[in-house]
Amino acid sequence: MLNQMKQLYEMQKKAKELQRQLETVKVEKSNSSRSLSVRVNGAQKLESIQVNTEWFVADKKVALETSLVELINDAFEDAQKQSASQAASLMKDLKGLGIPGL
């Protein structure tokens, strides 16, 4: 029982460590003209959106919305790939704890 509690504690510690590591993963995406950019982190949080003032006209509304969706989705996809790599490393470490199902 004590060994299982120790294993659980180690797993929680590693999970918190992974969360901190994921927050350090930064992915920035910009459109081709660099008039739009977004930054996300590996913890799947949108950190910033930058929009050049040239987008602030009514006839560009739909294009702005479409471009932002594409950039944000691309950034999250890249962040997920990087995060998965780090998570795989953590899971490899957890297998050594002998916890069933890992």
N, C-alpha and C. Protein backbone atom coordinates (compact mmCIF):
# COMPACT_ATOMS: atom_id res chain seq x y z
N MET A 1 0.83 -1.20 0.00
CA MET A 1 0.00 0.00 0.00
C MET A 1 0.87 1.26 0.00
N LEU A 2 1.89 1.26 0.85
CA LEU A 2 2.78 2.42 0.93
C LEU A 2 3.51 2.62 -0.39
N ASN A 3 3.89 1.51 -1.02
CA ASN A 3 4.58 1.59 -2.31
C ASN A 3 3.67 2.20 -3.38
N GLN A 4 2.40 1.83 -3.37
CA GLN A 4 1.46 2.38 -4.35
C GLN A 4 1.26 3.87 -4.12
N MET A 5 1.21 4.30 -2.86
CA MET A 5 1.05 5.73 -2.57
C MET A 5 2.28 6.50 -3.04
N LYS A 6 3.43 5.91 -2.85
CA LYS A 6 4.67 6.55 -3.31
C LYS A 6 4.66 6.67 -4.83
N GLN A 7 4.20 5.62 -5.52
CA GLN A 7 4.11 5.64 -6.97
C GLN A 7 3.13 6.72 -7.44
N LEU A 8 2.00 6.82 -6.76
CA LEU A 8 1.00 7.84 -7.11
C LEU A 8 1.59 9.23 -6.93
N TYR A 9 2.31 9.44 -5.84
CA TYR A 9 2.94 10.73 -5.59
C TYR A 9 3.94 11.05 -6.70
N GLU A 10 4.73 10.07 -7.09
CA GLU A 10 5.72 10.28 -8.17
C GLU A 10 5.02 10.63 -9.48
N MET A 11 3.90 9.95 -9.75
CA MET A 11 3.16 10.22 -10.97
C MET A 11 2.60 11.65 -10.94
N GLN A 12 2.06 12.08 -9.81
CA GLN A 12 1.54 13.44 -9.69
C GLN A 12 2.66 14.47 -9.87
N LYS A 13 3.80 14.17 -9.30
CA LYS A 13 4.95 15.07 -9.42
C LYS A 13 5.39 15.20 -10.89
N LYS A 14 5.43 14.07 -11.58
CA LYS A 14 5.82 14.10 -13.00
C LYS A 14 4.77 14.82 -13.84
N ALA A 15 3.50 14.65 -13.52
CA ALA A 15 2.44 15.32 -14.27
C ALA A 15 2.54 16.83 -14.09
N LYS A 16 2.83 17.30 -12.89
CA LYS A 16 3.01 18.74 -12.66
C LYS A 16 4.23 19.26 -13.40
N GLU A 17 5.27 18.46 -13.42
CA GLU A 17 6.48 18.84 -14.15
C GLU A 17 6.18 18.96 -15.64
N LEU A 18 5.42 18.00 -16.17
CA LEU A 18 5.05 18.05 -17.58
C LEU A 18 4.22 19.29 -17.87
N GLN A 19 3.28 19.62 -17.00
CA GLN A 19 2.45 20.81 -17.20
C GLN A 19 3.32 22.06 -17.27
N ARG A 20 4.30 22.16 -16.38
CA ARG A 20 5.22 23.32 -16.42
C ARG A 20 6.02 23.34 -17.72
N GLN A 21 6.46 22.17 -18.15
CA GLN A 21 7.22 22.09 -19.40
C GLN A 21 6.36 22.49 -20.59
N LEU A 22 5.11 22.05 -20.60
CA LEU A 22 4.22 22.37 -21.71
C LEU A 22 3.94 23.86 -21.79
N GLU A 23 3.89 24.51 -20.65
CA GLU A 23 3.65 25.95 -20.66
C GLU A 23 4.84 26.72 -21.25
N THR A 24 6.01 26.09 -21.27
CA THR A 24 7.19 26.74 -21.86
C THR A 24 7.26 26.55 -23.37
N VAL A 25 6.51 25.60 -23.90
CA VAL A 25 6.47 25.39 -25.36
C VAL A 25 5.68 26.55 -25.96
N LYS A 26 6.30 27.29 -26.84
CA LYS A 26 5.64 28.42 -27.49
C LYS A 26 5.64 28.20 -29.00
N VAL A 27 4.48 28.37 -29.60
CA VAL A 27 4.36 28.26 -31.05
C VAL A 27 3.74 29.54 -31.56
N GLU A 28 4.42 30.18 -32.49
CA GLU A 28 3.89 31.41 -33.08
C GLU A 28 3.68 31.19 -34.57
N LYS A 29 2.53 31.61 -35.03
CA LYS A 29 2.19 31.50 -36.46
C LYS A 29 1.79 32.87 -36.97
N SER A 30 2.23 33.17 -38.19
CA SER A 30 1.88 34.44 -38.84
C SER A 30 1.40 34.14 -40.25
N ASN A 31 0.58 35.06 -40.77
CA ASN A 31 0.19 34.91 -42.18
C ASN A 31 1.36 35.35 -43.06
N SER A 32 1.24 35.16 -44.36
CA SER A 32 2.36 35.42 -45.26
C SER A 32 2.82 36.88 -45.24
N SER A 33 1.90 37.81 -45.02
CA SER A 33 2.28 39.23 -44.99
C SER A 33 2.69 39.71 -43.60
N ARG A 34 2.62 38.81 -42.63
CA ARG A 34 2.95 39.12 -41.23
C ARG A 34 2.03 40.18 -40.62
N SER A 35 0.86 40.35 -41.20
CA SER A 35 -0.09 41.32 -40.66
C SER A 35 -0.97 40.72 -39.57
N LEU A 36 -0.92 39.40 -39.42
CA LEU A 36 -1.62 38.68 -38.36
C LEU A 36 -0.66 37.68 -37.74
N SER A 37 -0.69 37.57 -36.42
CA SER A 37 0.08 36.51 -35.78
C SER A 37 -0.60 36.09 -34.49
N VAL A 38 -0.38 34.82 -34.15
CA VAL A 38 -0.91 34.27 -32.91
C VAL A 38 0.20 33.49 -32.23
N ARG A 39 0.10 33.41 -30.89
CA ARG A 39 1.06 32.60 -30.13
C ARG A 39 0.26 31.75 -29.15
N VAL A 40 0.59 30.45 -29.12
CA VAL A 40 -0.04 29.52 -28.20
C VAL A 40 1.07 28.79 -27.45
N ASN A 41 0.69 28.15 -26.34
CA ASN A 41 1.68 27.34 -25.64
C ASN A 41 1.27 25.87 -25.67
N GLY A 42 2.15 25.04 -25.20
CA GLY A 42 1.91 23.60 -25.23
C GLY A 42 0.82 23.13 -24.29
N ALA A 43 0.39 24.01 -23.38
CA ALA A 43 -0.72 23.68 -22.48
C ALA A 43 -2.05 24.05 -23.12
N GLN A 44 -2.02 24.32 -24.43
CA GLN A 44 -3.22 24.62 -25.22
C GLN A 44 -3.89 25.92 -24.79
N LYS A 45 -3.07 26.91 -24.48
CA LYS A 45 -3.58 28.24 -24.14
C LYS A 45 -3.16 29.22 -25.22
N LEU A 46 -4.11 30.03 -25.65
CA LEU A 46 -3.83 31.10 -26.59
C LEU A 46 -3.21 32.24 -25.79
N GLU A 47 -1.98 32.61 -26.13
CA GLU A 47 -1.28 33.63 -25.37
C GLU A 47 -1.42 35.03 -25.95
N SER A 48 -1.42 35.12 -27.28
CA SER A 48 -1.54 36.45 -27.87
C SER A 48 -2.05 36.38 -29.30
N ILE A 49 -2.67 37.48 -29.70
CA ILE A 49 -3.10 37.70 -31.08
C ILE A 49 -2.66 39.10 -31.44
N GLN A 50 -1.98 39.22 -32.57
CA GLN A 50 -1.58 40.54 -33.05
C GLN A 50 -2.21 40.76 -34.42
N VAL A 51 -2.87 41.90 -34.55
CA VAL A 51 -3.57 42.25 -35.79
C VAL A 51 -3.10 43.63 -36.24
N ASN A 52 -2.57 43.68 -37.45
CA ASN A 52 -2.17 44.96 -38.04
C ASN A 52 -3.43 45.77 -38.33
N THR A 53 -3.35 47.07 -38.21
CA THR A 53 -4.51 47.94 -38.40
C THR A 53 -5.09 47.89 -39.81
N GLU A 54 -4.35 47.38 -40.77
CA GLU A 54 -4.89 47.28 -42.13
C GLU A 54 -6.12 46.37 -42.19
N TRP A 55 -6.30 45.52 -41.19
CA TRP A 55 -7.44 44.61 -41.14
C TRP A 55 -8.70 45.30 -40.60
N PHE A 56 -8.58 46.49 -40.08
CA PHE A 56 -9.70 47.15 -39.41
C PHE A 56 -10.61 47.91 -40.36
N VAL A 57 -11.04 47.22 -41.39
CA VAL A 57 -12.02 47.78 -42.32
C VAL A 57 -13.12 46.73 -42.52
N ALA A 58 -14.33 47.21 -42.69
CA ALA A 58 -15.48 46.31 -42.74
C ALA A 58 -15.39 45.24 -43.82
N ASP A 59 -14.84 45.58 -44.98
CA ASP A 59 -14.83 44.60 -46.06
C ASP A 59 -13.79 43.49 -45.86
N LYS A 60 -12.97 43.57 -44.80
CA LYS A 60 -11.99 42.52 -44.52
C LYS A 60 -12.40 41.65 -43.33
N LYS A 61 -13.59 41.88 -42.81
CA LYS A 61 -14.05 41.16 -41.62
C LYS A 61 -14.01 39.65 -41.80
N VAL A 62 -14.61 39.14 -42.86
CA VAL A 62 -14.67 37.70 -43.09
C VAL A 62 -13.26 37.14 -43.30
N ALA A 63 -12.44 37.83 -44.08
CA ALA A 63 -11.07 37.38 -44.32
C ALA A 63 -10.27 37.34 -43.02
N LEU A 64 -10.47 38.34 -42.17
CA LEU A 64 -9.78 38.38 -40.87
C LEU A 64 -10.20 37.19 -40.01
N GLU A 65 -11.48 36.95 -39.92
CA GLU A 65 -11.98 35.84 -39.11
C GLU A 65 -11.45 34.50 -39.62
N THR A 66 -11.49 34.31 -40.92
CA THR A 66 -11.01 33.06 -41.53
C THR A 66 -9.51 32.88 -41.29
N SER A 67 -8.76 33.94 -41.49
CA SER A 67 -7.31 33.87 -41.29
C SER A 67 -6.95 33.58 -39.85
N LEU A 68 -7.64 34.20 -38.91
CA LEU A 68 -7.37 33.95 -37.50
C LEU A 68 -7.66 32.50 -37.12
N VAL A 69 -8.77 31.98 -37.59
CA VAL A 69 -9.11 30.59 -37.30
C VAL A 69 -8.01 29.66 -37.83
N GLU A 70 -7.57 29.89 -39.06
CA GLU A 70 -6.53 29.05 -39.66
C GLU A 70 -5.23 29.14 -38.87
N LEU A 71 -4.81 30.35 -38.53
CA LEU A 71 -3.56 30.52 -37.78
C LEU A 71 -3.63 29.87 -36.40
N ILE A 72 -4.73 30.08 -35.71
CA ILE A 72 -4.88 29.50 -34.37
C ILE A 72 -4.88 27.98 -34.44
N ASN A 73 -5.62 27.42 -35.38
CA ASN A 73 -5.65 25.96 -35.52
C ASN A 73 -4.28 25.40 -35.88
N ASP A 74 -3.56 26.05 -36.78
CA ASP A 74 -2.21 25.61 -37.14
C ASP A 74 -1.27 25.67 -35.94
N ALA A 75 -1.36 26.74 -35.17
CA ALA A 75 -0.50 26.89 -34.00
C ALA A 75 -0.80 25.81 -32.97
N PHE A 76 -2.08 25.54 -32.71
CA PHE A 76 -2.43 24.49 -31.76
C PHE A 76 -1.98 23.12 -32.24
N GLU A 77 -2.07 22.88 -33.54
CA GLU A 77 -1.63 21.59 -34.08
C GLU A 77 -0.13 21.40 -33.85
N ASP A 78 0.66 22.43 -34.13
CA ASP A 78 2.10 22.34 -33.89
C ASP A 78 2.40 22.17 -32.41
N ALA A 79 1.69 22.91 -31.55
CA ALA A 79 1.90 22.80 -30.11
C ALA A 79 1.55 21.40 -29.62
N GLN A 80 0.49 20.81 -30.15
CA GLN A 80 0.10 19.46 -29.76
C GLN A 80 1.17 18.44 -30.14
N LYS A 81 1.77 18.61 -31.30
CA LYS A 81 2.83 17.70 -31.72
C LYS A 81 4.02 17.78 -30.77
N GLN A 82 4.41 19.00 -30.42
CA GLN A 82 5.53 19.16 -29.50
C GLN A 82 5.17 18.63 -28.12
N SER A 83 3.94 18.87 -27.69
CA SER A 83 3.48 18.41 -26.38
C SER A 83 3.45 16.88 -26.32
N ALA A 84 3.01 16.26 -27.39
CA ALA A 84 2.93 14.80 -27.43
C ALA A 84 4.30 14.18 -27.27
N SER A 85 5.29 14.81 -27.85
CA SER A 85 6.66 14.32 -27.72
C SER A 85 7.11 14.37 -26.26
N GLN A 86 6.82 15.47 -25.60
CA GLN A 86 7.20 15.59 -24.19
C GLN A 86 6.40 14.64 -23.32
N ALA A 87 5.13 14.46 -23.61
CA ALA A 87 4.28 13.56 -22.83
C ALA A 87 4.76 12.11 -23.00
N ALA A 88 5.18 11.75 -24.20
CA ALA A 88 5.68 10.40 -24.44
C ALA A 88 6.90 10.13 -23.58
N SER A 89 7.74 11.13 -23.42
CA SER A 89 8.91 10.98 -22.57
C SER A 89 8.49 10.74 -21.12
N LEU A 90 7.49 11.47 -20.66
CA LEU A 90 6.99 11.29 -19.30
C LEU A 90 6.42 9.89 -19.12
N MET A 91 5.63 9.43 -20.08
CA MET A 91 5.03 8.11 -19.98
C MET A 91 6.10 7.03 -19.92
N LYS A 92 7.18 7.23 -20.66
CA LYS A 92 8.29 6.28 -20.62
C LYS A 92 8.85 6.21 -19.21
N ASP A 93 9.01 7.37 -18.56
CA ASP A 93 9.50 7.41 -17.18
C ASP A 93 8.53 6.73 -16.22
N LEU A 94 7.23 6.91 -16.45
CA LEU A 94 6.23 6.34 -15.55
C LEU A 94 6.16 4.82 -15.66
N LYS A 95 6.50 4.27 -16.83
CA LYS A 95 6.47 2.81 -16.97
C LYS A 95 7.42 2.14 -15.98
N GLY A 96 8.48 2.84 -15.63
CA GLY A 96 9.42 2.30 -14.67
C GLY A 96 8.88 2.24 -13.26
N LEU A 97 7.75 2.86 -12.99
CA LEU A 97 7.17 2.83 -11.66
C LEU A 97 6.39 1.55 -11.41
N GLY A 98 6.13 0.77 -12.45
CA GLY A 98 5.43 -0.49 -12.28
C GLY A 98 3.94 -0.35 -12.02
N ILE A 99 3.34 0.72 -12.48
CA ILE A 99 1.91 0.93 -12.29
C ILE A 99 1.17 0.21 -13.41
N PRO A 100 0.24 -0.67 -13.06
CA PRO A 100 -0.49 -1.41 -14.10
C PRO A 100 -1.22 -0.48 -15.04
N GLY A 101 -1.24 -0.82 -16.32
CA GLY A 101 -1.95 -0.04 -17.32
C GLY A 101 -1.14 1.06 -17.97
N LEU A 102 0.07 1.27 -17.52
CA LEU A 102 0.91 2.32 -18.14
C LEU A 102 1.94 1.70 -19.04
